[in-house]
C-alpha atoms as a PDB file:
ATOM      1  CA  MET A   1       0.226  -0.183   0.154  1.00  0.00           C
ATOM      2  CA  GLY A   2       2.440   2.473  -0.867  1.00  0.00           C
ATOM      3  CA  GLY A   3       4.505   2.121   2.403  1.00  0.00           C
ATOM      4  CA  GLN A   4       1.404   2.565   4.825  1.00  0.00           C
ATOM      5  CA  ASP A   5       0.193  -0.069   6.982  1.00  0.00           C
ATOM      6  CA  CYS A   6      -3.211  -1.149   6.824  1.00  0.00           C
ATOM      7  CA  SER A   7      -4.304   0.599   9.504  1.00  0.00           C
ATOM      8  CA  ALA A   8      -4.664   3.417   6.747  1.00  0.00           C
ATOM      9  CA  LEU A   9      -7.699   1.891   5.484  1.00  0.00           C
ATOM     10  CA  TYR A  10      -9.637   2.088   8.718  1.00  0.00           C
ATOM     11  CA  LYS A  11      -8.755   6.045   9.078  1.00  0.00           C
ATOM     12  CA  ILE A  12     -11.199   9.011   8.277  1.00  0.00           C
ATOM     13  CA  ASP A  13      -9.760  12.191   7.363  1.00  0.00           C
ATOM     14  CA  GLU A  14     -10.155  14.458  10.467  1.00  0.00           C
ATOM     15  CA  GLN A  15     -11.771  17.438   7.654  1.00  0.00           C
ATOM     16  CA  ALA A  16     -14.221  14.890   6.479  1.00  0.00           C
ATOM     17  CA  THR A  17     -17.990  15.909   7.477  1.00  0.00           C
ATOM     18  CA  LEU A  18     -21.121  13.966   8.023  1.00  0.00           C
ATOM     19  CA  ASP A  19     -23.367  13.764   4.934  1.00  0.00           C
ATOM     20  CA  PRO A  20     -26.943  12.582   5.699  1.00  0.00           C
ATOM     21  CA  THR A  21     -28.137  12.569   1.811  1.00  0.00           C
ATOM     22  CA  ALA A  22     -25.291   9.556   1.107  1.00  0.00           C
ATOM     23  CA  ASP A  23     -26.565   7.505   4.874  1.00  0.00           C
ATOM     24  CA  THR A  24     -27.619   4.368   3.515  1.00  0.00           C
ATOM     25  CA  THR A  25     -27.295   0.381   4.444  1.00  0.00           C
ATOM     26  CA  VAL A  26     -24.418  -1.975   4.072  1.00  0.00           C
ATOM     27  CA  GLU A  27     -25.089  -5.321   4.299  1.00  0.00           C
ATOM     28  CA  GLY A  28     -28.473  -4.924   6.221  1.00  0.00           C
ATOM     29  CA  LYS A  29     -26.794  -2.678   8.688  1.00  0.00           C
ATOM     30  CA  LYS A  30     -27.904   0.912   8.773  1.00  0.00           C
ATOM     31  CA  THR A  31     -24.900   3.114   8.186  1.00  0.00           C
ATOM     32  CA  ILE A  32     -23.656   6.938   8.600  1.00  0.00           C
ATOM     33  CA  ALA A  33     -22.007   8.772   5.761  1.00  0.00           C
ATOM     34  CA  ILE A  34     -18.565  10.728   6.306  1.00  0.00           C
ATOM     35  CA  ARG A  35     -17.449  12.370   2.855  1.00  0.00           C
ATOM     36  CA  SER A  36     -14.054  13.840   2.468  1.00  0.00           C
ATOM     37  CA  ALA A  37     -13.107  15.642  -0.343  1.00  0.00           C
ATOM     38  CA  SER A  38     -10.528  17.561  -2.436  1.00  0.00           C
ATOM     39  CA  GLY A  39     -10.322  18.466  -5.736  1.00  0.00           C
ATOM     40  CA  ALA A  40     -10.478  15.361  -8.137  1.00  0.00           C
ATOM     41  CA  THR A  41     -10.369  13.178  -4.976  1.00  0.00           C
ATOM     42  CA  GLU A  42     -13.350  12.159  -2.978  1.00  0.00           C
ATOM     43  CA  ASP A  43     -14.138   9.513  -0.496  1.00  0.00           C
ATOM     44  CA  VAL A  44     -17.474   8.593   1.474  1.00  0.00           C
ATOM     45  CA  TYR A  45     -17.387   6.206   4.301  1.00  0.00           C
ATOM     46  CA  GLN A  46     -20.194   4.273   5.951  1.00  0.00           C
ATOM     47  CA  VAL A  47     -19.982   3.744   9.459  1.00  0.00           C
ATOM     48  CA  ALA A  48     -22.331   1.531  11.457  1.00  0.00           C
ATOM     49  CA  VAL A  49     -25.163   3.187  13.836  1.00  0.00           C
ATOM     50  CA  GLU A  50     -25.344   0.273  15.824  1.00  0.00           C
ATOM     51  CA  GLY A  51     -22.742  -0.824  18.454  1.00  0.00           C
ATOM     52  CA  ASP A  52     -19.316   0.145  18.531  1.00  0.00           C
ATOM     53  CA  PRO A  53     -18.824   2.600  15.088  1.00  0.00           C
ATOM     54  CA  TYR A  54     -17.042   1.351  12.317  1.00  0.00           C
ATOM     55  CA  ILE A  55     -16.265   1.538   8.932  1.00  0.00           C
ATOM     56  CA  LEU A  56     -18.702  -0.715   7.308  1.00  0.00           C
ATOM     57  CA  GLN A  57     -17.971   0.371   3.370  1.00  0.00           C
ATOM     58  CA  MET A  58     -15.413   2.832   1.689  1.00  0.00           C
ATOM     59  CA  LYS A  59     -16.467   4.362  -2.015  1.00  0.00           C
ATOM     60  CA  SER A  60     -13.220   6.502  -3.330  1.00  0.00           C
ATOM     61  CA  THR A  61     -12.855   8.295  -6.354  1.00  0.00           C
ATOM     62  CA  ARG A  62      -9.318   9.622  -7.722  1.00  0.00           C
ATOM     63  CA  ASP A  63      -9.254  11.035 -11.279  1.00  0.00           C
ATOM     64  CA  GLY A  64     -12.795  10.143 -12.480  1.00  0.00           C
ATOM     65  CA  ARG A  65     -12.211   6.152 -11.414  1.00  0.00           C
ATOM     66  CA  THR A  66     -14.543   5.006  -8.349  1.00  0.00           C
ATOM     67  CA  SER A  67     -13.595   1.949  -6.361  1.00  0.00           C
ATOM     68  CA  THR A  68     -16.002   0.726  -3.380  1.00  0.00           C
ATOM     69  CA  THR A  69     -14.443  -1.064  -0.456  1.00  0.00           C
ATOM     70  CA  THR A  70     -16.816  -3.018   1.889  1.00  0.00           C
ATOM     71  CA  TYR A  71     -15.722  -4.419   5.165  1.00  0.00           C
ATOM     72  CA  ASP A  72     -16.716  -7.731   7.149  1.00  0.00           C
ATOM     73  CA  SER A  73     -15.607 -10.038   9.766  1.00  0.00           C
ATOM     74  CA  PHE A  74     -14.908  -7.670  12.345  1.00  0.00           C
ATOM     75  CA  GLY A  75     -12.958  -9.603  15.179  1.00  0.00           C
ATOM     76  CA  GLU A  76     -13.124 -12.783  12.949  1.00  0.00           C
ATOM     77  CA  LYS A  77     -10.022 -14.806  12.470  1.00  0.00           C
ATOM     78  CA  VAL A  78      -9.835 -14.757   8.712  1.00  0.00           C
ATOM     79  CA  ASP A  79      -7.693 -17.366   6.787  1.00  0.00           C
ATOM     80  CA  ILE A  80      -5.854 -16.144   3.620  1.00  0.00           C
ATOM     81  CA  LYS A  81      -4.799 -17.869   0.910  1.00  0.00           C
ATOM     82  CA  LEU A  82      -2.121 -16.349  -1.108  1.00  0.00           C
ATOM     83  CA  PRO A  83      -2.686 -17.508  -5.267  1.00  0.00           C
ATOM     84  CA  PRO A  84      -0.198 -19.495  -6.637  1.00  0.00           C
ATOM     85  CA  ILE A  85       3.355 -17.828  -7.461  1.00  0.00           C
ATOM     86  CA  GLU A  86       2.472 -17.994 -11.068  1.00  0.00           C
ATOM     87  CA  GLN A  87      -0.628 -15.861 -10.804  1.00  0.00           C
ATOM     88  CA  VAL A  88       1.378 -12.858  -8.710  1.00  0.00           C
ATOM     89  CA  ILE A  89       2.216  -9.609 -10.541  1.00  0.00           C
ATOM     90  CA  SER A  90       3.494  -6.572  -9.158  1.00  0.00           C
ATOM     91  CA  MET A  91       1.931  -3.519  -8.274  1.00  0.00           C
ATOM     92  CA  GLU A  92       3.275  -1.722 -11.350  1.00  0.00           C
ATOM     93  CA  GLN A  93       1.988  -4.724 -13.710  1.00  0.00           C
ATOM     94  CA  PHE A  94      -1.500  -4.442 -11.907  1.00  0.00           C
ATOM     95  CA  ARG A  95      -1.423  -0.570 -12.385  1.00  0.00           C
ATOM     96  CA  GLU A  96      -0.275  -1.151 -16.338  1.00  0.00           C
ATOM     97  CA  GLN A  97      -3.382  -3.423 -16.999  1.00  0.00           C
ATOM     98  CA  LEU A  98      -5.613  -0.732 -14.730  1.00  0.00           C
ATOM     99  CA  ILE A  99      -4.285   2.350 -16.769  1.00  0.00           C
ATOM    100  CA  PRO A 100      -3.331   2.148 -20.178  1.00  0.00           C
END
């Protein structure tokens, strides 16, 4: 992740503000929307309303490209299986395939 550890995925920009127009549900759980925007960059975080607040989803827009990350399995052990080495590519190769 460009020299950052995974904790960056769970941090909300301190300049972000509530956006009630984007409140929704994620995986059946009610959320509030928190929006952070600067120029062509925007992140909208969907944060759980019930229980401890945690990010359930983040939608990011960078230079007109949008991605959505949905988080789940909080507090549960998750096994991660890496693909066979012949299916692994470098981040540079990955970006070349996405951005011609």
